[in-house]
Amino acid sequence: MESWQRSLIKAIIWNIIGLAVMASVGFAFTGSFAVGGAMAVINTAIGLCSYLIYERVWSRVRWGRYV
């Protein structure tokens, strides 16, 4: 099992990458930095929470581990 801190840092780094990608896609489709940025922030907030919960659930699953 990994610590909450490790899970949180992994989630934050992954979501920073996702934020940049989503902002670029949002800008490409709308032509607006404001709209693209808003889309990216909302997506990142949802993604961060979802990923953190997902990681913590899987950290408790013993299936497939060789310990």
N, C-alpha and C. Protein backbone atom coordinates (compact mmCIF):
# COMPACT_ATOMS: atom_id res chain seq x y z
N MET A 1 0.86 -1.17 0.00
CA MET A 1 0.00 0.00 0.00
C MET A 1 0.91 1.23 0.00
N GLU A 2 0.50 2.26 -0.72
CA GLU A 2 1.30 3.48 -0.72
C GLU A 2 0.64 4.53 0.16
N SER A 3 1.42 5.53 0.53
CA SER A 3 0.93 6.57 1.43
C SER A 3 -0.02 7.52 0.70
N TRP A 4 -0.82 8.23 1.50
CA TRP A 4 -1.72 9.25 0.95
C TRP A 4 -0.92 10.33 0.24
N GLN A 5 0.23 10.68 0.78
CA GLN A 5 1.07 11.72 0.18
C GLN A 5 1.52 11.30 -1.21
N ARG A 6 1.98 10.05 -1.36
CA ARG A 6 2.42 9.56 -2.67
C ARG A 6 1.25 9.56 -3.66
N SER A 7 0.10 9.06 -3.23
CA SER A 7 -1.08 9.04 -4.10
C SER A 7 -1.47 10.46 -4.52
N LEU A 8 -1.42 11.38 -3.58
CA LEU A 8 -1.79 12.77 -3.87
C LEU A 8 -0.82 13.41 -4.85
N ILE A 9 0.48 13.23 -4.66
CA ILE A 9 1.47 13.81 -5.56
C ILE A 9 1.33 13.22 -6.96
N LYS A 10 1.14 11.90 -7.06
CA LYS A 10 0.93 11.27 -8.36
C LYS A 10 -0.29 11.86 -9.05
N ALA A 11 -1.37 12.03 -8.30
CA ALA A 11 -2.61 12.58 -8.87
C ALA A 11 -2.42 14.02 -9.32
N ILE A 12 -1.70 14.82 -8.54
CA ILE A 12 -1.49 16.22 -8.90
C ILE A 12 -0.65 16.34 -10.16
N ILE A 13 0.44 15.58 -10.24
CA ILE A 13 1.30 15.63 -11.44
C ILE A 13 0.53 15.19 -12.67
N TRP A 14 -0.21 14.10 -12.55
CA TRP A 14 -1.00 13.61 -13.69
C TRP A 14 -2.02 14.66 -14.13
N ASN A 15 -2.63 15.34 -13.17
CA ASN A 15 -3.64 16.33 -13.51
C ASN A 15 -3.05 17.62 -14.05
N ILE A 16 -1.84 17.96 -13.70
CA ILE A 16 -1.18 19.12 -14.32
C ILE A 16 -0.96 18.84 -15.81
N ILE A 17 -0.55 17.62 -16.12
CA ILE A 17 -0.40 17.23 -17.52
C ILE A 17 -1.75 17.31 -18.23
N GLY A 18 -2.78 16.76 -17.59
CA GLY A 18 -4.12 16.79 -18.16
C GLY A 18 -4.65 18.20 -18.33
N LEU A 19 -4.34 19.09 -17.38
CA LEU A 19 -4.77 20.48 -17.46
C LEU A 19 -4.19 21.16 -18.70
N ALA A 20 -2.92 20.94 -18.95
CA ALA A 20 -2.28 21.54 -20.12
C ALA A 20 -2.88 21.01 -21.41
N VAL A 21 -3.10 19.71 -21.47
CA VAL A 21 -3.69 19.11 -22.68
C VAL A 21 -5.11 19.60 -22.89
N MET A 22 -5.91 19.60 -21.84
CA MET A 22 -7.31 20.02 -21.96
C MET A 22 -7.42 21.50 -22.31
N ALA A 23 -6.56 22.34 -21.74
CA ALA A 23 -6.58 23.76 -22.08
C ALA A 23 -6.26 23.96 -23.55
N SER A 24 -5.31 23.19 -24.06
CA SER A 24 -4.96 23.28 -25.48
C SER A 24 -6.10 22.84 -26.37
N VAL A 25 -6.73 21.74 -26.00
CA VAL A 25 -7.87 21.23 -26.77
C VAL A 25 -9.04 22.22 -26.69
N GLY A 26 -9.31 22.73 -25.50
CA GLY A 26 -10.40 23.70 -25.33
C GLY A 26 -10.17 24.94 -26.15
N PHE A 27 -8.93 25.44 -26.17
CA PHE A 27 -8.61 26.61 -26.98
C PHE A 27 -8.75 26.29 -28.47
N ALA A 28 -8.26 25.12 -28.88
CA ALA A 28 -8.34 24.74 -30.30
C ALA A 28 -9.79 24.67 -30.79
N PHE A 29 -10.68 24.19 -29.94
CA PHE A 29 -12.08 24.05 -30.36
C PHE A 29 -12.90 25.32 -30.21
N THR A 30 -12.55 26.17 -29.23
CA THR A 30 -13.36 27.36 -28.99
C THR A 30 -12.71 28.66 -29.46
N GLY A 31 -11.37 28.65 -29.58
CA GLY A 31 -10.66 29.86 -29.95
C GLY A 31 -10.57 30.87 -28.80
N SER A 32 -10.96 30.45 -27.62
CA SER A 32 -10.96 31.34 -26.46
C SER A 32 -10.12 30.72 -25.33
N PHE A 33 -9.15 31.51 -24.84
CA PHE A 33 -8.36 31.03 -23.71
C PHE A 33 -9.22 30.92 -22.46
N ALA A 34 -10.16 31.83 -22.28
CA ALA A 34 -11.01 31.82 -21.09
C ALA A 34 -11.89 30.57 -21.05
N VAL A 35 -12.56 30.28 -22.15
CA VAL A 35 -13.44 29.11 -22.20
C VAL A 35 -12.61 27.82 -22.13
N GLY A 36 -11.53 27.77 -22.89
CA GLY A 36 -10.66 26.60 -22.85
C GLY A 36 -10.08 26.37 -21.48
N GLY A 37 -9.67 27.45 -20.82
CA GLY A 37 -9.13 27.34 -19.47
C GLY A 37 -10.17 26.89 -18.47
N ALA A 38 -11.38 27.42 -18.58
CA ALA A 38 -12.46 27.02 -17.67
C ALA A 38 -12.78 25.53 -17.83
N MET A 39 -12.84 25.09 -19.08
CA MET A 39 -13.07 23.67 -19.35
C MET A 39 -11.96 22.82 -18.71
N ALA A 40 -10.74 23.28 -18.85
CA ALA A 40 -9.59 22.54 -18.33
C ALA A 40 -9.61 22.47 -16.80
N VAL A 41 -9.95 23.58 -16.15
CA VAL A 41 -9.97 23.61 -14.69
C VAL A 41 -11.06 22.68 -14.14
N ILE A 42 -12.23 22.73 -14.74
CA ILE A 42 -13.33 21.85 -14.30
C ILE A 42 -12.95 20.39 -14.51
N ASN A 43 -12.42 20.09 -15.68
CA ASN A 43 -12.00 18.72 -15.98
C ASN A 43 -10.92 18.25 -15.01
N THR A 44 -9.97 19.11 -14.70
CA THR A 44 -8.88 18.75 -13.81
C THR A 44 -9.37 18.51 -12.38
N ALA A 45 -10.27 19.33 -11.91
CA ALA A 45 -10.81 19.15 -10.55
C ALA A 45 -11.54 17.81 -10.43
N ILE A 46 -12.36 17.50 -11.41
CA ILE A 46 -13.08 16.23 -11.40
C ILE A 46 -12.10 15.07 -11.52
N GLY A 47 -11.14 15.21 -12.43
CA GLY A 47 -10.15 14.16 -12.65
C GLY A 47 -9.28 13.91 -11.44
N LEU A 48 -8.87 14.96 -10.74
CA LEU A 48 -8.03 14.81 -9.56
C LEU A 48 -8.76 14.02 -8.48
N CYS A 49 -9.98 14.38 -8.21
CA CYS A 49 -10.75 13.67 -7.19
C CYS A 49 -10.99 12.21 -7.58
N SER A 50 -11.36 11.99 -8.82
CA SER A 50 -11.62 10.63 -9.30
C SER A 50 -10.37 9.77 -9.25
N TYR A 51 -9.24 10.32 -9.70
CA TYR A 51 -7.99 9.56 -9.73
C TYR A 51 -7.52 9.23 -8.32
N LEU A 52 -7.64 10.16 -7.41
CA LEU A 52 -7.20 9.92 -6.04
C LEU A 52 -8.03 8.81 -5.39
N ILE A 53 -9.33 8.85 -5.58
CA ILE A 53 -10.20 7.80 -5.04
C ILE A 53 -9.86 6.46 -5.70
N TYR A 54 -9.69 6.44 -7.00
CA TYR A 54 -9.34 5.24 -7.75
C TYR A 54 -8.04 4.62 -7.23
N GLU A 55 -7.01 5.43 -7.05
CA GLU A 55 -5.72 4.94 -6.54
C GLU A 55 -5.86 4.35 -5.15
N ARG A 56 -6.60 5.01 -4.29
CA ARG A 56 -6.76 4.53 -2.92
C ARG A 56 -7.55 3.23 -2.87
N VAL A 57 -8.56 3.09 -3.70
CA VAL A 57 -9.32 1.84 -3.75
C VAL A 57 -8.40 0.71 -4.21
N TRP A 58 -7.67 0.92 -5.29
CA TRP A 58 -6.78 -0.12 -5.82
C TRP A 58 -5.64 -0.44 -4.86
N SER A 59 -5.24 0.49 -4.01
CA SER A 59 -4.17 0.20 -3.07
C SER A 59 -4.60 -0.84 -2.03
N ARG A 60 -5.89 -1.05 -1.89
CA ARG A 60 -6.41 -2.02 -0.92
C ARG A 60 -6.73 -3.38 -1.58
N VAL A 61 -6.68 -3.46 -2.88
CA VAL A 61 -6.98 -4.71 -3.59
C VAL A 61 -5.72 -5.57 -3.61
N ARG A 62 -5.83 -6.78 -3.12
CA ARG A 62 -4.67 -7.67 -3.05
C ARG A 62 -4.48 -8.49 -4.32
N TRP A 63 -5.47 -8.56 -5.14
CA TRP A 63 -5.40 -9.37 -6.35
C TRP A 63 -4.22 -8.95 -7.23
N GLY A 64 -3.47 -9.92 -7.69
CA GLY A 64 -2.38 -9.66 -8.62
C GLY A 64 -1.08 -9.20 -7.97
N ARG A 65 -1.04 -9.13 -6.67
CA ARG A 65 0.18 -8.72 -5.97
C ARG A 65 1.00 -9.95 -5.59
N TYR A 66 2.28 -9.80 -5.68
CA TYR A 66 3.18 -10.85 -5.24
C TYR A 66 4.00 -10.31 -4.08
N VAL A 67 3.50 -10.52 -2.88
CA VAL A 67 4.19 -9.99 -1.70
C VAL A 67 4.65 -11.13 -0.83
